N, C-alpha and C. Protein backbone atom coordinates (compact mmCIF):
# COMPACT_ATOMS: atom_id res chain seq x y z
N MET A 1 67.24 62.98 21.42
CA MET A 1 66.46 62.13 20.55
C MET A 1 65.04 62.07 21.09
N SER A 2 64.08 61.97 20.21
CA SER A 2 62.69 62.03 20.65
C SER A 2 62.31 60.79 21.47
N ASN A 3 61.39 61.00 22.37
CA ASN A 3 60.95 59.96 23.30
C ASN A 3 60.30 58.79 22.59
N ASP A 4 59.56 59.04 21.51
CA ASP A 4 58.88 57.95 20.83
C ASP A 4 59.85 56.98 20.17
N ILE A 5 61.03 57.43 19.81
CA ILE A 5 62.02 56.54 19.21
C ILE A 5 62.71 55.70 20.28
N THR A 6 63.01 56.29 21.42
CA THR A 6 63.77 55.58 22.45
C THR A 6 62.92 54.76 23.41
N LYS A 7 61.62 54.97 23.42
CA LYS A 7 60.75 54.33 24.40
C LYS A 7 60.92 52.80 24.45
N GLY A 8 60.89 52.13 23.33
CA GLY A 8 61.02 50.68 23.31
C GLY A 8 62.41 50.19 23.66
N ALA A 9 63.41 51.01 23.44
CA ALA A 9 64.79 50.60 23.71
C ALA A 9 65.13 50.66 25.19
N ILE A 10 64.50 51.54 25.93
CA ILE A 10 64.81 51.71 27.35
C ILE A 10 64.61 50.41 28.11
N GLU A 11 63.53 49.73 27.83
CA GLU A 11 63.22 48.45 28.48
C GLU A 11 64.32 47.43 28.21
N ALA A 12 64.73 47.30 26.97
CA ALA A 12 65.77 46.34 26.59
C ALA A 12 67.11 46.68 27.23
N VAL A 13 67.45 47.96 27.27
CA VAL A 13 68.71 48.37 27.88
C VAL A 13 68.72 48.07 29.37
N LEU A 14 67.61 48.31 30.03
CA LEU A 14 67.51 47.99 31.46
C LEU A 14 67.65 46.49 31.70
N LEU A 15 66.97 45.68 30.89
CA LEU A 15 67.09 44.23 31.03
C LEU A 15 68.52 43.76 30.76
N GLN A 16 69.17 44.32 29.76
CA GLN A 16 70.55 43.95 29.46
C GLN A 16 71.48 44.33 30.62
N THR A 17 71.27 45.49 31.19
CA THR A 17 72.09 45.92 32.32
C THR A 17 71.89 44.99 33.51
N LEU A 18 70.66 44.62 33.77
CA LEU A 18 70.37 43.70 34.87
C LEU A 18 70.99 42.33 34.58
N HIS A 19 70.94 41.90 33.34
CA HIS A 19 71.59 40.65 32.93
C HIS A 19 73.09 40.72 33.22
N ASN A 20 73.71 41.84 32.88
CA ASN A 20 75.15 42.01 33.10
C ASN A 20 75.50 42.01 34.59
N LEU A 21 74.65 42.62 35.40
CA LEU A 21 74.89 42.69 36.84
C LEU A 21 74.63 41.36 37.54
N GLY A 22 73.72 40.58 37.03
CA GLY A 22 73.28 39.37 37.71
C GLY A 22 72.11 39.68 38.61
N GLU A 23 72.28 40.64 39.47
CA GLU A 23 71.19 41.19 40.29
C GLU A 23 71.65 42.54 40.79
N GLY A 24 70.70 43.34 41.22
CA GLY A 24 71.07 44.64 41.74
C GLY A 24 69.88 45.35 42.34
N TYR A 25 70.17 46.28 43.21
CA TYR A 25 69.12 47.13 43.78
C TYR A 25 69.05 48.41 42.96
N GLY A 26 68.01 49.17 43.16
CA GLY A 26 67.71 50.31 42.30
C GLY A 26 68.87 51.24 42.02
N TYR A 27 69.51 51.77 43.07
CA TYR A 27 70.59 52.72 42.84
C TYR A 27 71.77 52.05 42.13
N GLN A 28 72.04 50.80 42.46
CA GLN A 28 73.13 50.06 41.83
C GLN A 28 72.85 49.90 40.33
N ILE A 29 71.62 49.59 39.98
CA ILE A 29 71.23 49.46 38.57
C ILE A 29 71.36 50.81 37.87
N LEU A 30 70.88 51.86 38.51
CA LEU A 30 70.95 53.21 37.95
C LEU A 30 72.40 53.61 37.71
N ARG A 31 73.27 53.33 38.66
CA ARG A 31 74.69 53.66 38.53
C ARG A 31 75.30 52.88 37.36
N ALA A 32 74.96 51.60 37.23
CA ALA A 32 75.48 50.79 36.12
C ALA A 32 75.01 51.34 34.77
N LEU A 33 73.76 51.76 34.70
CA LEU A 33 73.23 52.36 33.46
C LEU A 33 74.00 53.63 33.11
N ARG A 34 74.28 54.44 34.10
CA ARG A 34 75.01 55.69 33.87
C ARG A 34 76.46 55.42 33.49
N GLU A 35 77.07 54.40 34.09
CA GLU A 35 78.45 54.05 33.76
C GLU A 35 78.57 53.53 32.34
N GLU A 36 77.51 52.92 31.84
CA GLU A 36 77.53 52.43 30.46
C GLU A 36 77.41 53.59 29.47
N ASP A 37 77.14 54.78 30.00
CA ASP A 37 77.17 56.02 29.22
C ASP A 37 76.26 55.98 28.00
N HIS A 38 74.99 55.72 28.24
CA HIS A 38 74.00 55.76 27.17
C HIS A 38 73.58 57.21 26.96
N GLU A 39 74.20 57.88 26.00
CA GLU A 39 73.92 59.29 25.76
C GLU A 39 72.50 59.51 25.25
N ILE A 40 71.98 58.55 24.53
CA ILE A 40 70.65 58.71 23.94
C ILE A 40 69.57 58.43 24.97
N LEU A 41 69.81 57.45 25.82
CA LEU A 41 68.81 57.03 26.80
C LEU A 41 69.17 57.57 28.18
N THR A 42 68.27 58.31 28.77
CA THR A 42 68.53 58.83 30.10
C THR A 42 67.64 58.12 31.10
N PHE A 43 68.26 57.68 32.18
CA PHE A 43 67.54 56.99 33.24
C PHE A 43 67.63 57.83 34.51
N ARG A 44 66.49 58.08 35.10
CA ARG A 44 66.41 58.74 36.39
C ARG A 44 65.59 57.83 37.29
N GLU A 45 65.65 58.09 38.58
CA GLU A 45 64.87 57.28 39.51
C GLU A 45 63.40 57.26 39.10
N GLY A 46 62.90 58.39 38.63
CA GLY A 46 61.51 58.49 38.22
C GLY A 46 61.18 57.64 37.00
N THR A 47 62.19 57.26 36.24
CA THR A 47 62.03 56.37 35.10
C THR A 47 62.27 54.93 35.51
N LEU A 48 63.29 54.73 36.32
CA LEU A 48 63.74 53.38 36.65
C LEU A 48 62.72 52.58 37.45
N TYR A 49 62.26 53.12 38.55
CA TYR A 49 61.40 52.32 39.43
C TYR A 49 60.07 51.92 38.80
N PRO A 50 59.36 52.83 38.14
CA PRO A 50 58.11 52.39 37.48
C PRO A 50 58.38 51.31 36.41
N LEU A 51 59.50 51.43 35.72
CA LEU A 51 59.85 50.43 34.71
C LEU A 51 60.16 49.09 35.37
N LEU A 52 60.90 49.09 36.46
CA LEU A 52 61.17 47.85 37.18
C LEU A 52 59.88 47.20 37.66
N TYR A 53 58.95 48.00 38.16
CA TYR A 53 57.66 47.46 38.64
C TYR A 53 56.88 46.84 37.49
N ARG A 54 56.88 47.50 36.32
CA ARG A 54 56.17 46.95 35.16
C ARG A 54 56.82 45.65 34.67
N LEU A 55 58.15 45.63 34.65
CA LEU A 55 58.85 44.42 34.22
C LEU A 55 58.60 43.27 35.18
N GLU A 56 58.50 43.58 36.47
CA GLU A 56 58.20 42.55 37.45
C GLU A 56 56.77 42.04 37.28
N ALA A 57 55.84 42.94 37.03
CA ALA A 57 54.44 42.54 36.82
C ALA A 57 54.29 41.64 35.59
N ARG A 58 55.15 41.83 34.61
CA ARG A 58 55.12 41.02 33.39
C ARG A 58 55.91 39.72 33.53
N GLY A 59 56.57 39.53 34.66
CA GLY A 59 57.31 38.31 34.92
C GLY A 59 58.72 38.29 34.35
N PHE A 60 59.24 39.45 33.93
CA PHE A 60 60.57 39.51 33.35
C PHE A 60 61.66 39.66 34.42
N VAL A 61 61.30 40.19 35.57
CA VAL A 61 62.23 40.29 36.70
C VAL A 61 61.50 39.87 37.97
N THR A 62 62.28 39.45 38.94
CA THR A 62 61.75 39.18 40.28
C THR A 62 62.53 40.06 41.24
N SER A 63 61.98 40.25 42.41
CA SER A 63 62.69 41.05 43.40
C SER A 63 62.52 40.43 44.79
N LYS A 64 63.52 40.67 45.61
CA LYS A 64 63.50 40.21 47.00
C LYS A 64 64.13 41.29 47.86
N GLU A 65 63.54 41.50 49.02
CA GLU A 65 64.16 42.42 49.97
C GLU A 65 65.21 41.66 50.76
N ARG A 66 66.37 42.27 50.89
CA ARG A 66 67.46 41.70 51.67
C ARG A 66 68.18 42.81 52.40
N GLU A 67 68.86 42.41 53.44
CA GLU A 67 69.66 43.38 54.17
C GLU A 67 71.00 43.53 53.46
N ALA A 68 71.36 44.77 53.21
CA ALA A 68 72.63 45.07 52.56
C ALA A 68 73.74 45.09 53.62
N PRO A 69 74.99 45.04 53.20
CA PRO A 69 76.09 45.10 54.15
C PRO A 69 76.03 46.33 55.08
N SER A 70 75.42 47.39 54.60
CA SER A 70 75.30 48.61 55.40
C SER A 70 74.24 48.48 56.49
N GLY A 71 73.44 47.42 56.43
CA GLY A 71 72.37 47.23 57.39
C GLY A 71 71.01 47.68 56.88
N LYS A 72 71.00 48.42 55.76
CA LYS A 72 69.74 48.85 55.16
C LYS A 72 69.06 47.69 54.46
N THR A 73 67.74 47.74 54.43
CA THR A 73 66.99 46.76 53.65
C THR A 73 66.83 47.31 52.25
N ARG A 74 67.21 46.49 51.27
CA ARG A 74 67.11 46.91 49.87
C ARG A 74 66.37 45.84 49.09
N ARG A 75 65.72 46.30 48.01
CA ARG A 75 65.03 45.38 47.10
C ARG A 75 65.99 45.09 45.94
N TYR A 76 66.35 43.82 45.82
CA TYR A 76 67.26 43.38 44.76
C TYR A 76 66.45 42.77 43.63
N TYR A 77 66.79 43.16 42.40
CA TYR A 77 66.08 42.69 41.20
C TYR A 77 66.96 41.69 40.46
N HIS A 78 66.30 40.68 39.89
CA HIS A 78 66.98 39.62 39.17
C HIS A 78 66.18 39.28 37.91
N LEU A 79 66.86 39.08 36.80
CA LEU A 79 66.22 38.71 35.54
C LEU A 79 65.73 37.26 35.60
N THR A 80 64.51 37.02 35.16
CA THR A 80 63.96 35.66 35.13
C THR A 80 64.27 35.00 33.78
N LYS A 81 63.94 33.71 33.66
CA LYS A 81 64.10 33.03 32.37
C LYS A 81 63.23 33.69 31.31
N LYS A 82 62.02 34.06 31.71
CA LYS A 82 61.11 34.73 30.79
C LYS A 82 61.71 36.08 30.35
N GLY A 83 62.32 36.78 31.28
CA GLY A 83 62.98 38.05 30.97
C GLY A 83 64.16 37.87 30.04
N THR A 84 64.93 36.81 30.26
CA THR A 84 66.07 36.52 29.40
C THR A 84 65.61 36.21 27.98
N SER A 85 64.55 35.42 27.85
CA SER A 85 64.00 35.09 26.53
C SER A 85 63.51 36.36 25.83
N TYR A 86 62.82 37.20 26.58
CA TYR A 86 62.31 38.45 26.02
C TYR A 86 63.48 39.34 25.57
N LEU A 87 64.52 39.42 26.40
CA LEU A 87 65.69 40.23 26.05
C LEU A 87 66.33 39.72 24.77
N GLU A 88 66.49 38.42 24.62
CA GLU A 88 67.08 37.86 23.41
C GLU A 88 66.23 38.19 22.18
N LYS A 89 64.91 38.11 22.33
CA LYS A 89 64.00 38.45 21.23
C LYS A 89 64.16 39.93 20.86
N ARG A 90 64.20 40.79 21.87
CA ARG A 90 64.34 42.23 21.60
C ARG A 90 65.68 42.56 20.96
N ARG A 91 66.76 41.90 21.42
CA ARG A 91 68.08 42.11 20.81
C ARG A 91 68.03 41.80 19.33
N SER A 92 67.41 40.68 19.00
CA SER A 92 67.29 40.26 17.61
C SER A 92 66.48 41.28 16.80
N GLN A 93 65.37 41.74 17.37
CA GLN A 93 64.54 42.72 16.68
C GLN A 93 65.28 44.03 16.46
N PHE A 94 66.01 44.49 17.48
CA PHE A 94 66.74 45.75 17.33
C PHE A 94 67.89 45.61 16.35
N ALA A 95 68.55 44.46 16.32
CA ALA A 95 69.62 44.24 15.36
C ALA A 95 69.08 44.29 13.93
N LYS A 96 67.93 43.64 13.72
CA LYS A 96 67.32 43.65 12.39
C LYS A 96 66.88 45.07 12.01
N LEU A 97 66.25 45.76 12.94
CA LEU A 97 65.81 47.13 12.67
C LEU A 97 67.00 48.03 12.35
N SER A 98 68.06 47.89 13.13
CA SER A 98 69.25 48.71 12.91
C SER A 98 69.83 48.48 11.51
N LYS A 99 69.92 47.22 11.14
CA LYS A 99 70.46 46.87 9.82
C LYS A 99 69.58 47.44 8.71
N GLU A 100 68.27 47.29 8.85
CA GLU A 100 67.35 47.78 7.82
C GLU A 100 67.35 49.31 7.74
N LEU A 101 67.39 49.97 8.90
CA LEU A 101 67.43 51.44 8.90
C LEU A 101 68.73 51.95 8.28
N HIS A 102 69.82 51.32 8.64
CA HIS A 102 71.11 51.72 8.09
C HIS A 102 71.09 51.61 6.57
N SER A 103 70.58 50.51 6.09
CA SER A 103 70.51 50.29 4.65
C SER A 103 69.58 51.30 3.98
N ALA A 104 68.40 51.49 4.56
CA ALA A 104 67.42 52.40 3.97
C ALA A 104 67.92 53.85 3.97
N LEU A 105 68.53 54.27 5.03
CA LEU A 105 69.01 55.65 5.12
C LEU A 105 70.19 55.87 4.20
N ARG A 106 71.03 54.89 4.05
CA ARG A 106 72.16 55.01 3.13
C ARG A 106 71.65 55.10 1.70
N LEU A 107 70.64 54.29 1.36
CA LEU A 107 70.07 54.33 0.02
C LEU A 107 69.41 55.67 -0.27
N SER A 108 68.74 56.24 0.73
CA SER A 108 68.06 57.51 0.51
C SER A 108 69.06 58.63 0.29
N ARG A 109 70.24 58.56 0.91
CA ARG A 109 71.26 59.59 0.69
C ARG A 109 71.78 59.52 -0.75
N VAL A 110 71.92 58.31 -1.28
CA VAL A 110 72.42 58.13 -2.64
C VAL A 110 71.42 58.67 -3.64
N SER A 111 70.14 58.51 -3.38
CA SER A 111 69.13 58.94 -4.35
C SER A 111 68.87 60.44 -4.32
N LEU A 112 69.43 61.15 -3.35
CA LEU A 112 69.18 62.60 -3.30
C LEU A 112 69.95 63.30 -4.34
């Protein structure tokens, strides 16, 4: 699927995944995204980290460095109230868009 169509959805999917996890560090978030098997949206480290940094700059996520059980220091990300509100707004927008596109595309098939 073309990048211009999926660009806005990637942010919402990442926020939803973080919401589901409660909190997580980069690789953990990436693994959760892959386990959710989003065939249309592909996440790589090169996509994930810049997006997390942008979401943090906008106040949608916060992060803290903590020591993991392995002894490594990891940066854990957590959804903020502002991020949760934004996610709810985006969910609503995507639901409306999906409904309208489904209707419009079905109507266009009938008129052919």
